[in-house]
PDB file of N, CA and C in Angstrom:
ATOM      1  N   GLN A   1     -31.409-163.905-158.631  1.00  0.00           N
ATOM      2  CA  GLN A   1     -31.093-162.754-159.385  1.00  0.00           C
ATOM      3  C   GLN A   1     -31.693-161.483-158.818  1.00  0.00           C
ATOM      4  N   ALA A   2     -32.941-161.684-158.145  1.00  0.00           N
ATOM      5  CA  ALA A   2     -33.628-160.651-157.595  1.00  0.00           C
ATOM      6  C   ALA A   2     -32.829-159.969-156.419  1.00  0.00           C
ATOM      7  N   LEU A   3     -31.901-160.776-155.907  1.00  0.00           N
ATOM      8  CA  LEU A   3     -31.043-160.379-154.736  1.00  0.00           C
ATOM      9  C   LEU A   3     -29.706-159.813-155.230  1.00  0.00           C
ATOM     10  N   GLY A   4     -29.520-159.692-156.512  1.00  0.00           N
ATOM     11  CA  GLY A   4     -28.318-159.192-156.918  1.00  0.00           C
ATOM     12  C   GLY A   4     -27.261-160.264-157.279  1.00  0.00           C
ATOM     13  N   VAL A   5     -27.688-161.593-157.183  1.00  0.00           N
ATOM     14  CA  VAL A   5     -26.547-162.655-157.645  1.00  0.00           C
ATOM     15  C   VAL A   5     -26.537-162.785-159.025  1.00  0.00           C
ATOM     16  N   PRO A   6     -25.396-162.531-159.638  1.00  0.00           N
ATOM     17  CA  PRO A   6     -25.345-162.679-161.200  1.00  0.00           C
ATOM     18  C   PRO A   6     -25.605-164.027-161.619  1.00  0.00           C
ATOM     19  N   GLU A   7     -26.247-164.027-162.774  1.00  0.00           N
ATOM     20  CA  GLU A   7     -26.602-165.333-163.483  1.00  0.00           C
ATOM     21  C   GLU A   7     -25.481-166.362-163.569  1.00  0.00           C
ATOM     22  N   THR A   8     -24.238-165.859-163.821  1.00  0.00           N
ATOM     23  CA  THR A   8     -23.043-166.637-163.951  1.00  0.00           C
ATOM     24  C   THR A   8     -22.649-167.339-162.622  1.00  0.00           C
ATOM     25  N   ALA A   9     -23.138-166.877-161.549  1.00  0.00           N
ATOM     26  CA  ALA A   9     -22.847-167.504-160.252  1.00  0.00           C
ATOM     27  C   ALA A   9     -23.814-168.585-159.737  1.00  0.00           C
ATOM     28  N   LEU A  10     -24.891-168.773-160.655  1.00  0.00           N
ATOM     29  CA  LEU A  10     -25.883-169.690-160.293  1.00  0.00           C
ATOM     30  C   LEU A  10     -25.817-171.019-161.141  1.00  0.00           C
ATOM     31  N   LEU A  11     -25.969-172.081-160.569  1.00  0.00           N
ATOM     32  CA  LEU A  11     -26.055-173.337-161.224  1.00  0.00           C
ATOM     33  C   LEU A  11     -27.478-173.947-160.860  1.00  0.00           C
ATOM     34  N   ARG A  12     -28.255-174.463-161.857  1.00  0.00           N
ATOM     35  CA  ARG A  12     -29.646-174.937-161.438  1.00  0.00           C
ATOM     36  C   ARG A  12     -29.597-176.417-161.856  1.00  0.00           C
ATOM     37  N   GLU A  13     -30.115-177.119-160.925  1.00  0.00           N
ATOM     38  CA  GLU A  13     -30.351-178.611-161.041  1.00  0.00           C
ATOM     39  C   GLU A  13     -31.876-178.731-161.028  1.00  0.00           C
ATOM     40  N   ASN A  14     -32.381-179.298-162.159  1.00  0.00           N
ATOM     41  CA  ASN A  14     -33.792-179.254-162.414  1.00  0.00           C
ATOM     42  C   ASN A  14     -34.363-180.671-162.765  1.00  0.00           C
ATOM     43  N   GLN A  15     -33.591-181.687-162.470  1.00  0.00           N
ATOM     44  CA  GLN A  15     -33.995-183.039-162.807  1.00  0.00           C
ATOM     45  C   GLN A  15     -34.551-183.879-161.529  1.00  0.00           C
ATOM     46  N   SER A  16     -34.234-183.400-160.351  1.00  0.00           N
ATOM     47  CA  SER A  16     -34.538-184.292-159.218  1.00  0.00           C
ATOM     48  C   SER A  16     -36.033-184.203-158.857  1.00  0.00           C
ATOM     49  N   ALA A  17     -36.393-185.238-157.984  1.00  0.00           N
ATOM     50  CA  ALA A  17     -37.852-185.307-157.604  1.00  0.00           C
ATOM     51  C   ALA A  17     -37.897-185.178-156.103  1.00  0.00           C
ATOM     52  N   ASN A  18     -36.732-185.282-155.397  1.00  0.00           N
ATOM     53  CA  ASN A  18     -36.653-185.168-154.007  1.00  0.00           C
ATOM     54  C   ASN A  18     -35.263-184.666-153.531  1.00  0.00           C
ATOM     55  N   THR A  19     -35.107-184.428-152.256  1.00  0.00           N
ATOM     56  CA  THR A  19     -33.959-183.952-151.628  1.00  0.00           C
ATOM     57  C   THR A  19     -32.736-184.864-151.923  1.00  0.00           C
ATOM     58  N   ALA A  20     -32.874-186.080-151.801  1.00  0.00           N
ATOM     59  CA  ALA A  20     -31.726-186.945-152.055  1.00  0.00           C
ATOM     60  C   ALA A  20     -31.196-186.962-153.370  1.00  0.00           C
ATOM     61  N   GLN A  21     -32.266-186.871-154.353  1.00  0.00           N
ATOM     62  CA  GLN A  21     -31.849-186.834-155.704  1.00  0.00           C
ATOM     63  C   GLN A  21     -31.147-185.542-156.000  1.00  0.00           C
ATOM     64  N   ASN A  22     -31.722-184.406-155.446  1.00  0.00           N
ATOM     65  CA  ASN A  22     -31.167-183.019-155.675  1.00  0.00           C
ATOM     66  C   ASN A  22     -29.720-182.949-155.178  1.00  0.00           C
ATOM     67  N   ALA A  23     -29.450-183.635-154.093  1.00  0.00           N
ATOM     68  CA  ALA A  23     -28.103-183.588-153.522  1.00  0.00           C
ATOM     69  C   ALA A  23     -27.130-184.348-154.643  1.00  0.00           C
ATOM     70  N   LEU A  24     -27.587-185.534-154.909  1.00  0.00           N
ATOM     71  CA  LEU A  24     -26.761-186.330-155.896  1.00  0.00           C
ATOM     72  C   LEU A  24     -26.572-185.635-157.204  1.00  0.00           C
ATOM     73  N   TYR A  25     -27.560-185.255-157.839  1.00  0.00           N
ATOM     74  CA  TYR A  25     -27.469-184.581-159.168  1.00  0.00           C
ATOM     75  C   TYR A  25     -26.723-183.318-159.027  1.00  0.00           C
ATOM     76  N   SER A  26     -26.897-182.518-157.950  1.00  0.00           N
ATOM     77  CA  SER A  26     -26.137-181.366-157.875  1.00  0.00           C
ATOM     78  C   SER A  26     -24.681-181.689-157.719  1.00  0.00           C
ATOM     79  N   GLN A  27     -24.287-182.614-156.977  1.00  0.00           N
ATOM     80  CA  GLN A  27     -22.840-183.093-156.808  1.00  0.00           C
ATOM     81  C   GLN A  27     -22.261-183.325-158.179  1.00  0.00           C
ATOM     82  N   GLN A  28     -23.031-184.096-158.955  1.00  0.00           N
ATOM     83  CA  GLN A  28     -22.585-184.444-160.291  1.00  0.00           C
ATOM     84  C   GLN A  28     -22.280-183.247-161.222  1.00  0.00           C
ATOM     85  N   LEU A  29     -23.346-182.399-161.148  1.00  0.00           N
ATOM     86  CA  LEU A  29     -23.160-181.069-161.876  1.00  0.00           C
ATOM     87  C   LEU A  29     -22.107-180.180-161.400  1.00  0.00           C
ATOM     88  N   LEU A  30     -21.805-180.174-160.163  1.00  0.00           N
ATOM     89  CA  LEU A  30     -20.692-179.351-159.614  1.00  0.00           C
ATOM     90  C   LEU A  30     -19.342-179.999-159.888  1.00  0.00           C
ATOM     91  N   ALA A  31     -19.337-181.415-159.935  1.00  0.00           N
ATOM     92  CA  ALA A  31     -18.104-182.059-160.116  1.00  0.00           C
ATOM     93  C   ALA A  31     -17.597-181.940-161.612  1.00  0.00           C
ATOM     94  N   ALA A  32     -18.566-181.926-162.428  1.00  0.00           N
ATOM     95  CA  ALA A  32     -18.241-181.642-164.034  1.00  0.00           C
ATOM     96  C   ALA A  32     -17.543-180.408-164.111  1.00  0.00           C
ATOM     97  N   ARG A  33     -17.781-179.359-163.196  1.00  0.00           N
ATOM     98  CA  ARG A  33     -17.213-178.041-163.214  1.00  0.00           C
ATOM     99  C   ARG A  33     -16.006-177.882-162.331  1.00  0.00           C
ATOM    100  N   GLY A  34     -15.688-178.934-161.571  1.00  0.00           N
ATOM    101  CA  GLY A  34     -14.505-178.790-160.736  1.00  0.00           C
ATOM    102  C   GLY A  34     -14.852-178.089-159.418  1.00  0.00           C
ATOM    103  N   LEU A  35     -15.999-178.040-159.061  1.00  0.00           N
ATOM    104  CA  LEU A  35     -16.485-177.353-157.845  1.00  0.00           C
ATOM    105  C   LEU A  35     -16.781-178.367-156.740  1.00  0.00           C
ATOM    106  N   GLN A  36     -16.418-178.053-155.520  1.00  0.00           N
ATOM    107  CA  GLN A  36     -16.543-178.886-154.422  1.00  0.00           C
ATOM    108  C   GLN A  36     -17.306-178.206-153.151  1.00  0.00           C
ATOM    109  N   ARG A  37     -17.231-176.859-153.153  1.00  0.00           N
ATOM    110  CA  ARG A  37     -17.759-176.050-152.032  1.00  0.00           C
ATOM    111  C   ARG A  37     -19.043-175.333-152.315  1.00  0.00           C
ATOM    112  N   ILE A  38     -20.106-175.522-151.602  1.00  0.00           N
ATOM    113  CA  ILE A  38     -21.410-174.781-151.928  1.00  0.00           C
ATOM    114  C   ILE A  38     -21.960-174.135-150.804  1.00  0.00           C
ATOM    115  N   LEU A  39     -22.872-173.142-151.036  1.00  0.00           N
ATOM    116  CA  LEU A  39     -23.766-172.568-150.144  1.00  0.00           C
ATOM    117  C   LEU A  39     -25.089-173.088-150.266  1.00  0.00           C
ATOM    118  N   LEU A  40     -25.625-173.853-149.362  1.00  0.00           N
ATOM    119  CA  LEU A  40     -26.849-174.490-149.458  1.00  0.00           C
ATOM    120  C   LEU A  40     -27.974-173.573-148.903  1.00  0.00           C
ATOM    121  N   VAL A  41     -28.818-173.198-149.694  1.00  0.00           N
ATOM    122  CA  VAL A  41     -29.937-172.197-149.288  1.00  0.00           C
ATOM    123  C   VAL A  41     -31.256-172.937-149.408  1.00  0.00           C
ATOM    124  N   THR A  42     -31.854-173.091-148.199  1.00  0.00           N
ATOM    125  CA  THR A  42     -33.165-173.784-148.073  1.00  0.00           C
ATOM    126  C   THR A  42     -33.849-173.259-146.759  1.00  0.00           C
ATOM    127  N   SER A  43     -35.042-173.595-146.642  1.00  0.00           N
ATOM    128  CA  SER A  43     -35.760-173.219-145.354  1.00  0.00           C
ATOM    129  C   SER A  43     -35.073-173.832-144.162  1.00  0.00           C
ATOM    130  N   ALA A  44     -35.231-173.160-143.131  1.00  0.00           N
ATOM    131  CA  ALA A  44     -34.647-173.477-141.765  1.00  0.00           C
ATOM    132  C   ALA A  44     -35.172-174.861-141.373  1.00  0.00           C
ATOM    133  N   LEU A  45     -36.439-175.060-141.680  1.00  0.00           N
ATOM    134  CA  LEU A  45     -37.166-176.448-141.212  1.00  0.00           C
ATOM    135  C   LEU A  45     -36.442-177.607-142.081  1.00  0.00           C
ATOM    136  N   HIS A  46     -36.195-177.332-143.299  1.00  0.00           N
ATOM    137  CA  HIS A  46     -35.686-178.331-144.226  1.00  0.00           C
ATOM    138  C   HIS A  46     -34.232-178.463-144.207  1.00  0.00           C
ATOM    139  N   MET A  47     -33.535-177.512-143.544  1.00  0.00           N
ATOM    140  CA  MET A  47     -32.199-177.612-143.610  1.00  0.00           C
ATOM    141  C   MET A  47     -31.335-178.825-143.028  1.00  0.00           C
ATOM    142  N   PRO A  48     -31.827-179.292-141.885  1.00  0.00           N
ATOM    143  CA  PRO A  48     -31.051-180.512-141.295  1.00  0.00           C
ATOM    144  C   PRO A  48     -31.057-181.663-142.265  1.00  0.00           C
ATOM    145  N   ARG A  49     -32.055-181.942-142.956  1.00  0.00           N
ATOM    146  CA  ARG A  49     -32.314-183.111-143.842  1.00  0.00           C
ATOM    147  C   ARG A  49     -31.377-182.866-145.068  1.00  0.00           C
ATOM    148  N   ALA A  50     -31.658-181.571-145.774  1.00  0.00           N
ATOM    149  CA  ALA A  50     -30.886-181.214-146.860  1.00  0.00           C
ATOM    150  C   ALA A  50     -29.409-181.259-146.651  1.00  0.00           C
ATOM    151  N   LEU A  51     -28.968-180.722-145.474  1.00  0.00           N
ATOM    152  CA  LEU A  51     -27.631-180.629-145.161  1.00  0.00           C
ATOM    153  C   LEU A  51     -26.954-181.946-145.028  1.00  0.00           C
ATOM    154  N   ALA A  52     -27.709-182.887-144.414  1.00  0.00           N
ATOM    155  CA  ALA A  52     -27.276-184.343-144.253  1.00  0.00           C
ATOM    156  C   ALA A  52     -27.041-185.010-145.745  1.00  0.00           C
ATOM    157  N   HIS A  53     -28.060-184.855-146.664  1.00  0.00           N
ATOM    158  CA  HIS A  53     -28.040-185.336-147.894  1.00  0.00           C
ATOM    159  C   HIS A  53     -26.740-184.734-148.701  1.00  0.00           C
ATOM    160  N   PHE A  54     -26.521-183.507-148.657  1.00  0.00           N
ATOM    161  CA  PHE A  54     -25.631-182.876-149.426  1.00  0.00           C
ATOM    162  C   PHE A  54     -24.210-183.172-148.923  1.00  0.00           C
ATOM    163  N   ARG A  55     -24.042-183.236-147.614  1.00  0.00           N
ATOM    164  CA  ARG A  55     -22.743-183.630-147.006  1.00  0.00           C
ATOM    165  C   ARG A  55     -22.417-185.126-147.315  1.00  0.00           C
ATOM    166  N   ALA A  56     -23.449-185.908-147.411  1.00  0.00           N
ATOM    167  CA  ALA A  56     -23.208-187.254-147.705  1.00  0.00           C
ATOM    168  C   ALA A  56     -22.654-187.597-149.110  1.00  0.00           C
ATOM    169  N   THR A  57     -22.849-186.570-149.950  1.00  0.00           N
ATOM    170  CA  THR A  57     -22.276-186.633-151.329  1.00  0.00           C
ATOM    171  C   THR A  57     -20.760-186.291-151.354  1.00  0.00           C
ATOM    172  N   GLY A  58     -20.262-185.778-150.261  1.00  0.00           N
ATOM    173  CA  GLY A  58     -18.877-185.284-150.257  1.00  0.00           C
ATOM    174  C   GLY A  58     -18.677-183.872-150.449  1.00  0.00           C
ATOM    175  N   LEU A  59     -19.720-183.131-150.789  1.00  0.00           N
ATOM    176  CA  LEU A  59     -19.683-181.694-151.064  1.00  0.00           C
ATOM    177  C   LEU A  59     -19.266-180.985-149.600  1.00  0.00           C
ATOM    178  N   GLU A  60     -18.425-179.935-149.703  1.00  0.00           N
ATOM    179  CA  GLU A  60     -18.278-179.095-148.598  1.00  0.00           C
ATOM    180  C   GLU A  60     -19.448-178.094-148.635  1.00  0.00           C
ATOM    181  N   THR A  61     -20.341-178.351-147.586  1.00  0.00           N
ATOM    182  CA  THR A  61     -21.632-177.556-147.747  1.00  0.00           C
ATOM    183  C   THR A  61     -21.736-176.605-146.550  1.00  0.00           C
ATOM    184  N   ILE A  62     -22.052-175.375-146.932  1.00  0.00           N
ATOM    185  CA  ILE A  62     -22.248-174.393-145.946  1.00  0.00           C
ATOM    186  C   ILE A  62     -23.693-173.952-145.919  1.00  0.00           C
ATOM    187  N   PRO A  63     -24.392-174.268-144.767  1.00  0.00           N
ATOM    188  CA  PRO A  63     -25.751-173.956-144.670  1.00  0.00           C
ATOM    189  C   PRO A  63     -26.095-172.441-144.628  1.00  0.00           C
ATOM    190  N   ALA A  64     -27.175-172.131-145.353  1.00  0.00           N
ATOM    191  CA  ALA A  64     -27.762-170.685-145.220  1.00  0.00           C
ATOM    192  C   ALA A  64     -29.211-170.893-145.192  1.00  0.00           C
ATOM    193  N   SER A  65     -29.810-170.876-143.913  1.00  0.00           N
ATOM    194  CA  SER A  65     -31.206-171.146-143.833  1.00  0.00           C
ATOM    195  C   SER A  65     -31.901-169.822-144.000  1.00  0.00           C
ATOM    196  N   THR A  66     -33.062-169.975-144.526  1.00  0.00           N
ATOM    197  CA  THR A  66     -33.992-168.888-144.780  1.00  0.00           C
ATOM    198  C   THR A  66     -35.329-169.127-144.041  1.00  0.00           C
ATOM    199  N   ASP A  67     -36.046-168.188-144.036  1.00  0.00           N
ATOM    200  CA  ASP A  67     -37.483-168.151-143.320  1.00  0.00           C
ATOM    201  C   ASP A  67     -37.503-168.809-141.999  1.00  0.00           C
ATOM    202  N   VAL A  68     -36.651-168.465-141.108  1.00  0.00           N
ATOM    203  CA  VAL A  68     -36.593-168.991-139.841  1.00  0.00           C
ATOM    204  C   VAL A  68     -37.906-168.458-139.042  1.00  0.00           C
ATOM    205  N   GLU A  69     -38.567-169.426-138.537  1.00  0.00           N
ATOM    206  CA  GLU A  69     -39.925-168.958-137.894  1.00  0.00           C
ATOM    207  C   GLU A  69     -39.834-168.811-136.316  1.00  0.00           C
ATOM    208  N   VAL A  70     -40.242-167.814-135.843  1.00  0.00           N
ATOM    209  CA  VAL A  70     -40.270-167.502-134.420  1.00  0.00           C
ATOM    210  C   VAL A  70     -41.699-167.466-134.004  1.00  0.00           C
ATOM    211  N   VAL A  71     -42.022-168.377-133.074  1.00  0.00           N
ATOM    212  CA  VAL A  71     -43.399-168.543-132.620  1.00  0.00           C
ATOM    213  C   VAL A  71     -43.598-167.661-131.372  1.00  0.00           C
ATOM    214  N   PRO A  72     -44.480-166.727-131.329  1.00  0.00           N
ATOM    215  CA  PRO A  72     -44.668-165.895-130.183  1.00  0.00           C
ATOM    216  C   PRO A  72     -45.081-166.803-128.883  1.00  0.00           C
ATOM    217  N   ARG A  73     -44.708-166.215-127.720  1.00  0.00           N
ATOM    218  CA  ARG A  73     -45.052-166.890-126.472  1.00  0.00           C
ATOM    219  C   ARG A  73     -46.595-166.982-126.457  1.00  0.00           C
ATOM    220  N   MET A  74     -47.021-168.240-126.024  1.00  0.00           N
ATOM    221  CA  MET A  74     -48.483-168.473-125.968  1.00  0.00           C
ATOM    222  C   MET A  74     -49.183-167.787-124.799  1.00  0.00           C
ATOM    223  N   GLU A  75     -50.337-167.335-124.942  1.00  0.00           N
ATOM    224  CA  GLU A  75     -51.136-166.837-123.847  1.00  0.00           C
ATOM    225  C   GLU A  75     -51.476-168.045-123.036  1.00  0.00           C
ATOM    226  N   GLN A  76     -51.533-167.971-121.678  1.00  0.00           N
ATOM    227  CA  GLN A  76     -51.911-168.910-120.854  1.00  0.00           C
ATOM    228  C   GLN A  76     -53.366-168.906-120.489  1.00  0.00           C
ATOM    229  N   THR A  77     -54.181-169.227-121.529  1.00  0.00           N
ATOM    230  CA  THR A  77     -55.593-169.266-121.376  1.00  0.00           C
ATOM    231  C   THR A  77     -56.122-170.538-121.934  1.00  0.00           C
ATOM    232  N   VAL A  78     -57.369-170.957-121.679  1.00  0.00           N
ATOM    233  CA  VAL A  78     -57.859-172.154-122.164  1.00  0.00           C
ATOM    234  C   VAL A  78     -58.046-172.220-123.672  1.00  0.00           C
ATOM    235  N   LEU A  79     -58.322-171.176-124.252  1.00  0.00           N
ATOM    236  CA  LEU A  79     -58.538-170.934-125.770  1.00  0.00           C
ATOM    237  C   LEU A  79     -57.183-171.156-126.454  1.00  0.00           C
ATOM    238  N   ALA A  80     -56.101-170.815-125.851  1.00  0.00           N
ATOM    239  CA  ALA A  80     -54.727-171.028-126.394  1.00  0.00           C
ATOM    240  C   ALA A  80     -54.426-172.520-126.797  1.00  0.00           C
ATOM    241  N   TRP A  81     -55.135-173.396-125.907  1.00  0.00           N
ATOM    242  CA  TRP A  81     -54.886-174.901-126.140  1.00  0.00           C
ATOM    243  C   TRP A  81     -55.818-175.460-127.244  1.00  0.00           C
ATOM    244  N   LEU A  82     -56.654-174.671-127.717  1.00  0.00           N
ATOM    245  CA  LEU A  82     -57.573-175.334-128.782  1.00  0.00           C
ATOM    246  C   LEU A  82     -56.848-175.419-130.172  1.00  0.00           C
ATOM    247  N   PRO A  83     -56.959-176.455-130.795  1.00  0.00           N
ATOM    248  CA  PRO A  83     -56.223-176.608-132.120  1.00  0.00           C
ATOM    249  C   PRO A  83     -56.691-175.529-133.196  1.00  0.00           C
ATOM    250  N   ASP A  84     -55.717-175.206-134.048  1.00  0.00           N
ATOM    251  CA  ASP A  84     -56.085-174.261-135.056  1.00  0.00           C
ATOM    252  C   ASP A  84     -55.306-174.653-136.336  1.00  0.00           C
ATOM    253  N   ALA A  85     -55.711-174.106-137.467  1.00  0.00           N
ATOM    254  CA  ALA A  85     -55.221-174.608-138.766  1.00  0.00           C
ATOM    255  C   ALA A  85     -53.740-174.313-138.819  1.00  0.00           C
ATOM    256  N   GLY A  86     -53.317-173.069-138.294  1.00  0.00           N
ATOM    257  CA  GLY A  86     -51.786-172.749-138.389  1.00  0.00           C
ATOM    258  C   GLY A  86     -50.983-173.728-137.678  1.00  0.00           C
ATOM    259  N   ALA A  87     -51.363-174.160-136.509  1.00  0.00           N
ATOM    260  CA  ALA A  87     -50.639-175.162-135.735  1.00  0.00           C
ATOM    261  C   ALA A  87     -50.580-176.494-136.407  1.00  0.00           C
ATOM    262  N   LEU A  88     -51.722-176.947-137.012  1.00  0.00           N
ATOM    263  CA  LEU A  88     -51.697-178.186-137.622  1.00  0.00           C
ATOM    264  C   LEU A  88     -50.812-178.049-138.861  1.00  0.00           C
ATOM    265  N   GLU A  89     -50.660-177.061-139.684  1.00  0.00           N
ATOM    266  CA  GLU A  89     -49.910-176.975-140.717  1.00  0.00           C
ATOM    267  C   GLU A  89     -48.333-176.933-140.352  1.00  0.00           C
ATOM    268  N   ARG A  90     -48.076-176.257-139.217  1.00  0.00           N
ATOM    269  CA  ARG A  90     -46.665-176.176-138.748  1.00  0.00           C
ATOM    270  C   ARG A  90     -46.251-177.640-138.269  1.00  0.00           C
ATOM    271  N   SER A  91     -47.105-178.282-137.577  1.00  0.00           N
ATOM    272  CA  SER A  91     -46.776-179.594-137.058  1.00  0.00           C
ATOM    273  C   SER A  91     -46.690-180.683-138.180  1.00  0.00           C
ATOM    274  N   SER A  92     -47.549-180.571-139.239  1.00  0.00           N
ATOM    275  CA  SER A  92     -47.492-181.435-140.376  1.00  0.00           C
ATOM    276  C   SER A  92     -46.064-181.337-141.190  1.00  0.00           C
ATOM    277  N   ARG A  93     -45.667-180.033-141.312  1.00  0.00           N
ATOM    278  CA  ARG A  93     -44.371-179.773-142.025  1.00  0.00           C
ATOM    279  C   ARG A  93     -43.250-180.352-141.157  1.00  0.00           C
ATOM    280  N   THR A  94     -43.267-180.028-139.843  1.00  0.00           N
ATOM    281  CA  THR A  94     -42.296-180.567-138.955  1.00  0.00           C
ATOM    282  C   THR A  94     -42.207-182.034-138.945  1.00  0.00           C
ATOM    283  N   PHE A  95     -43.292-182.709-138.859  1.00  0.00           N
ATOM    284  CA  PHE A  95     -43.324-184.188-138.910  1.00  0.00           C
ATOM    285  C   PHE A  95     -42.735-184.762-140.187  1.00  0.00           C
ATOM    286  N   LYS A  96     -43.167-184.123-141.333  1.00  0.00           N
ATOM    287  CA  LYS A  96     -42.558-184.622-142.565  1.00  0.00           C
ATOM    288  C   LYS A  96     -41.109-184.468-142.610  1.00  0.00           C
ATOM    289  N   GLU A  97     -40.513-183.400-142.042  1.00  0.00           N
ATOM    290  CA  GLU A  97     -38.994-183.197-142.129  1.00  0.00           C
ATOM    291  C   GLU A  97     -38.359-184.233-141.178  1.00  0.00           C
ATOM    292  N   TYR A  98     -38.889-184.469-140.009  1.00  0.00           N
ATOM    293  CA  TYR A  98     -38.214-185.450-139.020  1.00  0.00           C
ATOM    294  C   TYR A  98     -38.436-186.833-139.652  1.00  0.00           C
ATOM    295  N   LEU A  99     -39.583-187.153-140.178  1.00  0.00           N
ATOM    296  CA  LEU A  99     -39.706-188.462-140.753  1.00  0.00           C
ATOM    297  C   LEU A  99     -38.797-188.579-141.977  1.00  0.00           C
ATOM    298  N   GLY A 100     -38.505-187.542-142.844  1.00  0.00           N
ATOM    299  CA  GLY A 100     -37.611-187.626-143.849  1.00  0.00           C
ATOM    300  C   GLY A 100     -36.181-187.780-143.369  1.00  0.00           C
ATOM    301  N   LEU A 101     -35.746-187.201-142.250  1.00  0.00           N
ATOM    302  CA  LEU A 101     -34.474-187.372-141.655  1.00  0.00           C
ATOM    303  C   LEU A 101     -34.216-188.699-141.073  1.00  0.00           C
ATOM    304  N   VAL A 102     -35.276-189.345-140.395  1.00  0.00           N
ATOM    305  CA  VAL A 102     -35.220-190.687-139.981  1.00  0.00           C
ATOM    306  C   VAL A 102     -34.979-191.609-141.195  1.00  0.00           C
ATOM    307  N   ALA A 103     -35.721-191.500-142.186  1.00  0.00           N
ATOM    308  CA  ALA A 103     -35.725-192.285-143.357  1.00  0.00           C
ATOM    309  C   ALA A 103     -34.331-192.179-144.097  1.00  0.00           C
ATOM    310  N   CYS A 104     -33.849-191.036-144.116  1.00  0.00           N
ATOM    311  CA  CYS A 104     -32.530-190.749-144.688  1.00  0.00           C
ATOM    312  C   CYS A 104     -31.504-191.537-143.958  1.00  0.00           C
ATOM    313  N   ARG A 105     -31.459-191.506-142.602  1.00  0.00           N
ATOM    314  CA  ARG A 105     -30.508-192.236-141.864  1.00  0.00           C
ATOM    315  C   ARG A 105     -30.870-193.751-141.909  1.00  0.00           C
ATOM    316  N   TRP A 106     -31.970-194.105-141.874  1.00  0.00           N
ATOM    317  CA  TRP A 106     -32.206-195.612-141.985  1.00  0.00           C
ATOM    318  C   TRP A 106     -31.762-196.248-143.282  1.00  0.00           C
ATOM    319  N   ARG A 107     -32.002-195.438-144.354  1.00  0.00           N
ATOM    320  CA  ARG A 107     -31.578-195.941-145.669  1.00  0.00           C
ATOM    321  C   ARG A 107     -29.967-195.787-145.887  1.00  0.00           C
ATOM    322  N   ARG A 108     -29.317-195.011-144.913  1.00  0.00           N
ATOM    323  CA  ARG A 108     -27.876-194.726-144.919  1.00  0.00           C
ATOM    324  C   ARG A 108     -27.564-193.810-146.082  1.00  0.00           C
ATOM    325  N   GLN A 109     -28.494-192.943-146.471  1.00  0.00           N
ATOM    326  CA  GLN A 109     -28.342-191.967-147.581  1.00  0.00           C
ATOM    327  C   GLN A 109     -27.626-190.788-147.069  1.00  0.00           C
ATOM    328  N   CYS A 110     -27.543-190.636-145.643  1.00  0.00           N
ATOM    329  CA  CYS A 110     -26.909-189.393-145.036  1.00  0.00           C
ATOM    330  C   CYS A 110     -26.347-189.908-143.831  1.00  0.00           C
ATOM    331  N   GLY A 111     -25.437-188.925-143.278  1.00  0.00           N
ATOM    332  CA  GLY A 111     -24.641-189.208-142.079  1.00  0.00           C
ATOM    333  C   GLY A 111     -25.405-189.454-140.797  1.00  0.00           C
TER     334      GLY A 111
END
């Protein structure tokens, strides 16, 4: 709404505990209204996994990634190779998403 999207254009699914459930429950909510095509808005890092789950439900899903991160070129100094909290946080989030995508495919919940 803060971006000018009218309330009537929004559907909220608030029962899910994870991405797979969100895709399934959203598909059910949309099917009840005769809707099949969606704009999926999520972070760029989460998009591959979310997109796989939503497309697996049969929804025509158009990805709209947010918060794309661009990491500046690293200085070529010894200090640049020392670990820092920001790098640990980014690698933890990335690992979680890739692990989630592998699990999704392993369980055959997505394409």
